[in-house]
Amino acid sequence: MTPDDTGTAAPSKTRIEYLEELGDELVKRGFRVRLTLPRGQSPSLHVMNPDASALTENILAEQGADGWWYWWSWAERIAAADDVTAAADRVALVLAVH
């Protein structure tokens, strides 16, 4: 819970909400996305370039001491979760056909 401007506690976004936001932005850019909810594991966003189906990635959203971040499956940060545009830019760059 984080305080809002009224001084009361406001709920922070959930991991799934962050992933859905990123998914919405990536769909606008032409990517295919699917939210996966495996039992006993963290949810992830499966992203695929429809022009090159081999270009796929599973994106995670994790909270650390310095806030929420999007992460690649190989444990490297993509961008802060509150900067969906920057995260989508990086994902689009990595999954682009070169």
Protein backbone atom coordinates (compact mmCIF):
# COMPACT_ATOMS: atom_id res chain seq x y z
CA MET A 1 0.00 0.00 0.00
CA THR A 2 1.23 3.45 -0.85
CA PRO A 3 -0.18 6.74 0.37
CA ASP A 4 -2.15 8.71 -2.16
CA ASP A 5 -2.71 12.45 -2.21
CA THR A 6 -5.56 12.15 0.30
CA GLY A 7 -3.21 10.71 2.91
CA THR A 8 -4.91 7.32 2.85
CA ALA A 9 -3.37 4.09 1.69
CA ALA A 10 -3.97 3.30 -1.99
CA PRO A 11 -3.33 -0.20 -3.33
CA SER A 12 -0.35 -0.51 -5.64
CA LYS A 13 -0.73 -2.26 -8.97
CA THR A 14 -0.41 -6.01 -9.10
CA ARG A 15 2.12 -7.97 -11.13
CA ILE A 16 -0.66 -9.00 -13.53
CA GLU A 17 -1.80 -5.39 -14.00
CA TYR A 18 1.73 -4.34 -14.94
CA LEU A 19 2.02 -7.22 -17.41
CA GLU A 20 -1.38 -6.38 -18.91
CA GLU A 21 -0.34 -2.74 -19.39
CA LEU A 22 2.82 -3.79 -21.22
CA GLY A 23 0.86 -6.30 -23.26
CA ASP A 24 -1.64 -3.64 -24.34
CA GLU A 25 1.21 -1.37 -25.49
CA LEU A 26 2.90 -4.19 -27.40
CA VAL A 27 -0.35 -5.18 -29.13
CA LYS A 28 -0.65 -1.58 -30.37
CA ARG A 29 2.80 -2.08 -31.92
CA GLY A 30 1.76 -5.25 -33.74
CA PHE A 31 3.09 -7.93 -31.39
CA ARG A 32 1.12 -10.95 -30.22
CA VAL A 33 0.94 -11.36 -26.47
CA ARG A 34 -0.43 -13.91 -24.03
CA LEU A 35 -0.52 -13.67 -20.25
CA THR A 36 0.61 -16.98 -18.75
CA LEU A 37 -0.32 -18.01 -15.23
CA PRO A 38 1.57 -21.24 -14.44
CA ARG A 39 0.78 -22.93 -11.14
CA GLY A 40 3.41 -22.29 -8.50
CA GLN A 41 5.33 -19.79 -10.66
CA SER A 42 5.17 -16.07 -11.32
CA PRO A 43 2.88 -14.90 -14.11
CA SER A 44 4.62 -13.77 -17.28
CA LEU A 45 3.81 -12.09 -20.55
CA HIS A 46 4.64 -14.20 -23.60
CA VAL A 47 5.46 -11.86 -26.49
CA MET A 48 5.88 -12.92 -30.11
CA ASN A 49 6.80 -11.06 -33.27
CA PRO A 50 4.13 -12.24 -35.76
CA ASP A 51 6.51 -11.61 -38.68
CA ALA A 52 9.12 -13.98 -37.20
CA SER A 53 7.55 -16.48 -34.81
CA ALA A 54 10.98 -17.58 -33.56
CA LEU A 55 11.37 -14.13 -31.98
CA THR A 56 9.58 -14.65 -28.67
CA GLU A 57 10.22 -13.79 -25.07
CA ASN A 58 8.64 -14.21 -21.66
CA ILE A 59 8.58 -10.94 -19.70
CA LEU A 60 8.26 -10.82 -15.92
CA ALA A 61 7.19 -8.05 -13.56
CA GLU A 62 8.90 -8.13 -10.18
CA GLN A 63 8.96 -5.80 -7.21
CA GLY A 64 12.27 -4.88 -5.63
CA ALA A 65 13.39 -2.42 -2.99
CA ASP A 66 13.44 0.27 -5.69
CA GLY A 67 9.97 -0.43 -7.11
CA TRP A 68 8.44 -2.58 -9.82
CA TRP A 69 10.50 -3.56 -12.89
CA TYR A 70 9.98 -5.50 -16.09
CA TRP A 71 12.54 -8.28 -16.53
CA TRP A 72 13.73 -10.46 -19.38
CA SER A 73 13.59 -14.19 -18.75
CA TRP A 74 17.42 -14.19 -18.47
CA ALA A 75 17.19 -12.00 -15.33
CA GLU A 76 18.11 -8.64 -16.85
CA ARG A 77 16.02 -5.54 -16.21
CA ILE A 78 14.11 -4.06 -19.13
CA ALA A 79 12.68 -0.87 -17.62
CA ALA A 80 10.81 0.41 -14.59
CA ALA A 81 7.23 -0.87 -14.66
CA ASP A 82 5.86 2.66 -14.40
CA ASP A 83 7.52 3.47 -17.76
CA VAL A 84 5.54 1.20 -20.08
CA THR A 85 6.65 3.11 -23.18
CA ALA A 86 10.35 2.57 -22.44
CA ALA A 87 9.74 -1.11 -21.69
CA ALA A 88 7.78 -1.59 -24.92
CA ASP A 89 10.50 0.24 -26.88
CA ARG A 90 13.18 -2.15 -25.58
CA VAL A 91 11.05 -5.27 -26.15
CA ALA A 92 10.22 -4.11 -29.69
CA LEU A 93 13.91 -3.49 -30.41
CA VAL A 94 14.99 -6.92 -29.18
CA LEU A 95 12.16 -8.78 -30.95
CA ALA A 96 12.48 -6.83 -34.22
CA VAL A 97 13.40 -8.48 -37.49
CA HIS A 98 16.83 -7.10 -38.40
